[in-house]
Amino acid sequence: MSRVLITGATGLVGRHLLRLLIADPRVSEIIAPTRRKLPEMNKVTNLVEADLTDVLGPLQTPLDLVFCCLGTTRRQAGSKEAFVHVDYTLVLDTAIAAQRLGAKHLLVVSAHGANTRSPFFYSRVKGEMENALKKERWPRLTLIRPSLLLGERESSRAGESIMAPLFKRLPGNWRAVKAKDVAAVMMREAFTPARQEITVIESGDIPRQA
């Protein structure tokens, strides 16, 4: 039986993943810190704070697995600095806290094109986040790099709504993927014996593995 930490549980992928975790008999307890209170759910301990770091620091529950589904856009965050805080700083804070509490496997939603040398700010920050996690030398690290995510968001992103029809037609790793498929792949990887220390799942492979 596994004790799990999930950050980003109110997001598009996180909501699907939380439902899968609740339904899975291999999961005994789920720690889900959020800014907005979640409905009462079986196995879920919901810690509500405006800043995720305020929850992660004092956390003492031993953990086995950690899922990080945090993610925003620069427009949604309001500034470059706010975007970096969510997509880099809070991801690392999640990892550091989970490692302190004994977790052996970290699974993170990154993004297609993540690269520290990318000319695009979004992709560059994602690449820097991935590199920082690799330096922590996790016993097992899984990075999932979806392209545009499809699904019903609590708050719409105008740019993504406009681009979705195009991204549904693009080939390979550029093609949009369903958020529920990303969540399914994370669950499969979490409970599959490790093949290597670091696993990177590209967007084009997500539908085949879900």
Protein backbone atom coordinates (compact mmCIF):
# COMPACT_ATOMS: atom_id res chain seq x y z
CA MET A 1 0.00 0.00 0.00
CA SER A 2 1.39 3.39 -1.02
CA ARG A 3 1.20 6.81 0.58
CA VAL A 4 1.08 9.45 -2.13
CA LEU A 5 1.64 13.20 -2.44
CA ILE A 6 0.01 15.01 -5.37
CA THR A 7 0.52 18.69 -6.14
CA GLY A 8 -1.59 20.35 -8.80
CA ALA A 9 -4.63 18.24 -7.92
CA THR A 10 -7.09 20.93 -9.06
CA GLY A 11 -5.53 21.22 -12.53
CA LEU A 12 -6.55 19.51 -15.75
CA VAL A 13 -4.29 16.46 -15.37
CA GLY A 14 -4.35 16.53 -11.57
CA ARG A 15 -8.14 16.16 -11.34
CA HIS A 16 -8.08 13.02 -13.51
CA LEU A 17 -5.11 11.62 -11.62
CA LEU A 18 -6.71 12.22 -8.23
CA ARG A 19 -9.75 10.18 -9.25
CA LEU A 20 -7.50 7.33 -10.40
CA LEU A 21 -5.54 7.39 -7.16
CA ILE A 22 -8.70 7.28 -5.05
CA ALA A 23 -10.02 4.29 -6.99
CA ASP A 24 -6.76 2.31 -6.85
CA PRO A 25 -6.54 -0.23 -4.00
CA ARG A 26 -2.74 0.02 -4.02
CA VAL A 27 -3.02 3.58 -2.67
CA SER A 28 -3.73 3.88 1.07
CA GLU A 29 -3.43 7.64 1.64
CA ILE A 30 -3.31 10.72 -0.58
CA ILE A 31 -1.89 14.05 0.58
CA ALA A 32 -3.26 16.77 -1.72
CA PRO A 33 -2.26 20.35 -0.83
CA THR A 34 -4.27 22.94 -2.77
CA ARG A 35 -5.08 26.65 -2.74
CA ARG A 36 -8.81 25.91 -3.04
CA LYS A 37 -10.56 23.43 -0.79
CA LEU A 38 -11.42 20.09 -2.41
CA PRO A 39 -14.69 18.24 -1.77
CA GLU A 40 -14.48 15.52 0.89
CA MET A 41 -13.04 12.40 -0.77
CA ASN A 42 -12.06 8.96 0.47
CA LYS A 43 -8.36 8.56 1.32
CA VAL A 44 -7.62 12.24 0.63
CA THR A 45 -6.07 14.61 3.16
CA ASN A 46 -6.58 18.08 1.68
CA LEU A 47 -4.26 20.76 3.12
CA VAL A 48 -5.39 24.23 2.03
CA GLU A 49 -2.95 27.15 1.88
CA ALA A 50 -2.49 30.10 -0.45
CA ASP A 51 1.19 29.19 -0.92
CA LEU A 52 2.05 25.53 -1.49
CA THR A 53 5.45 25.96 0.16
CA ASP A 54 3.74 26.73 3.48
CA VAL A 55 2.23 23.23 3.41
CA LEU A 56 5.23 21.30 2.13
CA GLY A 57 7.71 22.60 4.68
CA PRO A 58 5.97 21.29 7.85
CA LEU A 59 4.68 18.07 6.21
CA GLN A 60 5.69 14.96 8.21
CA THR A 61 3.73 12.09 6.60
CA PRO A 62 6.08 9.37 5.22
CA LEU A 63 5.64 9.00 1.45
CA ASP A 64 6.22 6.38 -1.23
CA LEU A 65 5.23 8.20 -4.42
CA VAL A 66 4.92 11.82 -5.48
CA PHE A 67 3.04 13.20 -8.47
CA CYS A 68 3.55 16.80 -9.57
CA CYS A 69 0.93 18.14 -11.97
CA LEU A 70 1.65 21.82 -11.44
CA GLY A 71 1.57 24.05 -14.47
CA THR A 72 0.39 27.40 -15.74
CA THR A 73 1.10 29.86 -18.54
CA ARG A 74 2.78 33.25 -18.41
CA ARG A 75 -0.51 34.93 -19.33
CA GLN A 76 -2.43 33.05 -16.65
CA ALA A 77 0.27 33.60 -14.02
CA GLY A 78 0.44 37.32 -14.77
CA SER A 79 4.21 37.67 -15.16
CA LYS A 80 7.39 35.78 -15.98
CA GLU A 81 8.30 35.71 -12.31
CA ALA A 82 4.94 34.24 -11.29
CA PHE A 83 5.19 31.62 -14.03
CA VAL A 84 8.67 30.57 -12.84
CA HIS A 85 7.35 30.33 -9.28
CA VAL A 86 4.70 27.77 -10.30
CA ASP A 87 6.47 25.82 -13.03
CA TYR A 88 9.95 25.76 -11.51
CA THR A 89 10.11 26.75 -7.84
CA LEU A 90 7.00 24.94 -6.61
CA VAL A 91 7.88 21.83 -8.61
CA LEU A 92 11.29 21.72 -6.92
CA ASP A 93 9.71 22.43 -3.53
CA THR A 94 7.43 19.44 -4.11
CA ALA A 95 10.39 17.23 -4.97
CA ILE A 96 12.53 18.36 -2.04
CA ALA A 97 9.74 17.82 0.49
CA ALA A 98 8.85 14.40 -0.92
CA GLN A 99 12.46 13.24 -0.93
CA ARG A 100 12.80 14.36 2.70
CA LEU A 101 9.76 12.23 3.54
CA GLY A 102 11.16 9.09 1.92
CA ALA A 103 9.52 9.04 -1.52
CA LYS A 104 11.45 6.93 -4.03
CA HIS A 105 9.64 7.80 -7.27
CA LEU A 106 8.82 11.27 -8.58
CA LEU A 107 6.49 11.67 -11.57
CA VAL A 108 6.21 15.13 -13.12
CA VAL A 109 4.14 16.68 -15.89
CA SER A 110 6.62 18.71 -17.97
CA ALA A 111 5.96 19.78 -21.57
CA HIS A 112 6.84 18.92 -25.14
CA GLY A 113 9.91 20.89 -26.20
CA ALA A 114 11.37 21.27 -22.71
CA ASN A 115 14.95 22.37 -23.29
CA THR A 116 17.28 24.74 -21.46
CA ARG A 117 18.47 26.08 -24.83
CA SER A 118 15.03 26.72 -26.28
CA PRO A 119 14.43 30.22 -27.68
CA PHE A 120 10.97 30.06 -26.07
CA PHE A 121 10.71 31.14 -22.44
CA TYR A 122 8.07 28.52 -21.56
CA SER A 123 10.08 25.61 -22.94
CA ARG A 124 13.32 26.93 -21.45
CA VAL A 125 11.85 27.07 -17.93
CA LYS A 126 10.50 23.54 -18.33
CA GLY A 127 13.94 22.37 -19.40
CA GLU A 128 15.58 24.07 -16.42
CA MET A 129 13.05 22.43 -14.12
CA GLU A 130 13.81 18.99 -15.57
CA ASN A 131 17.57 19.51 -15.19
CA ALA A 132 17.18 20.61 -11.58
CA LEU A 133 15.17 17.47 -10.78
CA LYS A 134 17.77 15.25 -12.45
CA LYS A 135 20.47 16.75 -10.24
CA GLU A 136 18.56 15.58 -7.15
CA ARG A 137 19.45 11.99 -8.10
CA TRP A 138 16.07 10.43 -7.46
CA PRO A 139 16.03 6.62 -7.27
CA ARG A 140 13.40 6.91 -9.98
CA LEU A 141 12.29 9.98 -11.95
CA THR A 142 9.57 10.00 -14.61
CA LEU A 143 9.15 13.07 -16.82
CA ILE A 144 6.08 13.27 -19.04
CA ARG A 145 6.13 15.81 -21.86
CA PRO A 146 2.65 16.38 -23.27
CA SER A 147 1.89 18.77 -26.09
CA LEU A 148 -1.29 20.87 -25.85
CA LEU A 149 -3.63 19.28 -23.29
CA LEU A 150 -7.24 18.53 -24.18
CA GLY A 151 -10.00 18.48 -21.59
CA GLU A 152 -12.45 20.62 -19.65
CA ARG A 153 -10.62 23.19 -17.52
CA GLU A 154 -12.17 24.95 -14.53
CA SER A 155 -11.04 28.22 -16.12
CA SER A 156 -10.57 28.43 -19.87
CA ARG A 157 -7.34 29.47 -21.58
CA ALA A 158 -8.31 31.47 -24.67
CA GLY A 159 -5.12 30.76 -26.60
CA GLU A 160 -5.40 27.01 -26.06
CA SER A 161 -9.05 27.01 -27.15
CA ILE A 162 -8.05 28.68 -30.41
CA MET A 163 -5.08 26.40 -31.04
CA ALA A 164 -6.73 23.09 -30.08
CA PRO A 165 -8.24 22.33 -33.55
CA LEU A 166 -4.81 22.82 -35.17
CA PHE A 167 -2.92 20.78 -32.58
CA LYS A 168 -5.35 17.88 -32.99
CA ARG A 169 -4.11 17.55 -36.58
CA LEU A 170 -0.38 17.91 -36.04
CA PRO A 171 1.86 14.84 -36.30
CA GLY A 172 3.95 13.05 -33.70
CA ASN A 173 4.94 14.81 -30.51
CA TRP A 174 3.19 18.03 -31.55
CA ARG A 175 -0.29 16.49 -31.61
CA ALA A 176 -2.55 17.49 -28.72
CA VAL A 177 -3.19 14.80 -26.10
CA LYS A 178 -6.02 14.19 -23.67
CA ALA A 179 -5.33 15.13 -20.07
CA LYS A 180 -6.97 11.90 -18.91
CA ASP A 181 -4.43 9.94 -20.99
CA VAL A 182 -1.56 11.77 -19.30
CA ALA A 183 -3.03 10.83 -15.91
CA ALA A 184 -3.42 7.20 -16.99
CA VAL A 185 0.21 7.03 -18.13
CA MET A 186 1.38 8.47 -14.81
CA MET A 187 -0.55 5.78 -12.94
CA ARG A 188 0.81 3.02 -15.13
CA GLU A 189 4.39 4.22 -14.68
CA ALA A 190 3.98 4.61 -10.92
CA PHE A 191 3.12 0.95 -10.44
CA THR A 192 5.31 -0.57 -13.15
CA PRO A 193 8.73 -1.97 -12.15
CA ALA A 194 11.54 0.44 -12.95
CA ARG A 195 13.39 -0.13 -16.23
CA GLN A 196 15.80 2.76 -15.69
CA GLU A 197 16.51 5.56 -13.26
CA ILE A 198 15.13 8.35 -15.48
CA THR A 199 12.22 7.81 -17.87
CA VAL A 200 11.09 10.46 -20.35
CA ILE A 201 7.74 9.91 -22.03
CA GLU A 202 7.24 12.08 -25.10
CA SER A 203 3.85 13.36 -26.14
CA GLY A 204 3.46 11.10 -29.14
CA ASP A 205 3.84 8.02 -26.94
CA ILE A 206 1.17 9.05 -24.42
CA PRO A 207 -1.94 7.82 -26.32
CA ARG A 208 -0.29 4.44 -27.01
CA GLN A 209 0.65 3.94 -23.37
CA ALA A 210 -2.56 5.21 -21.72
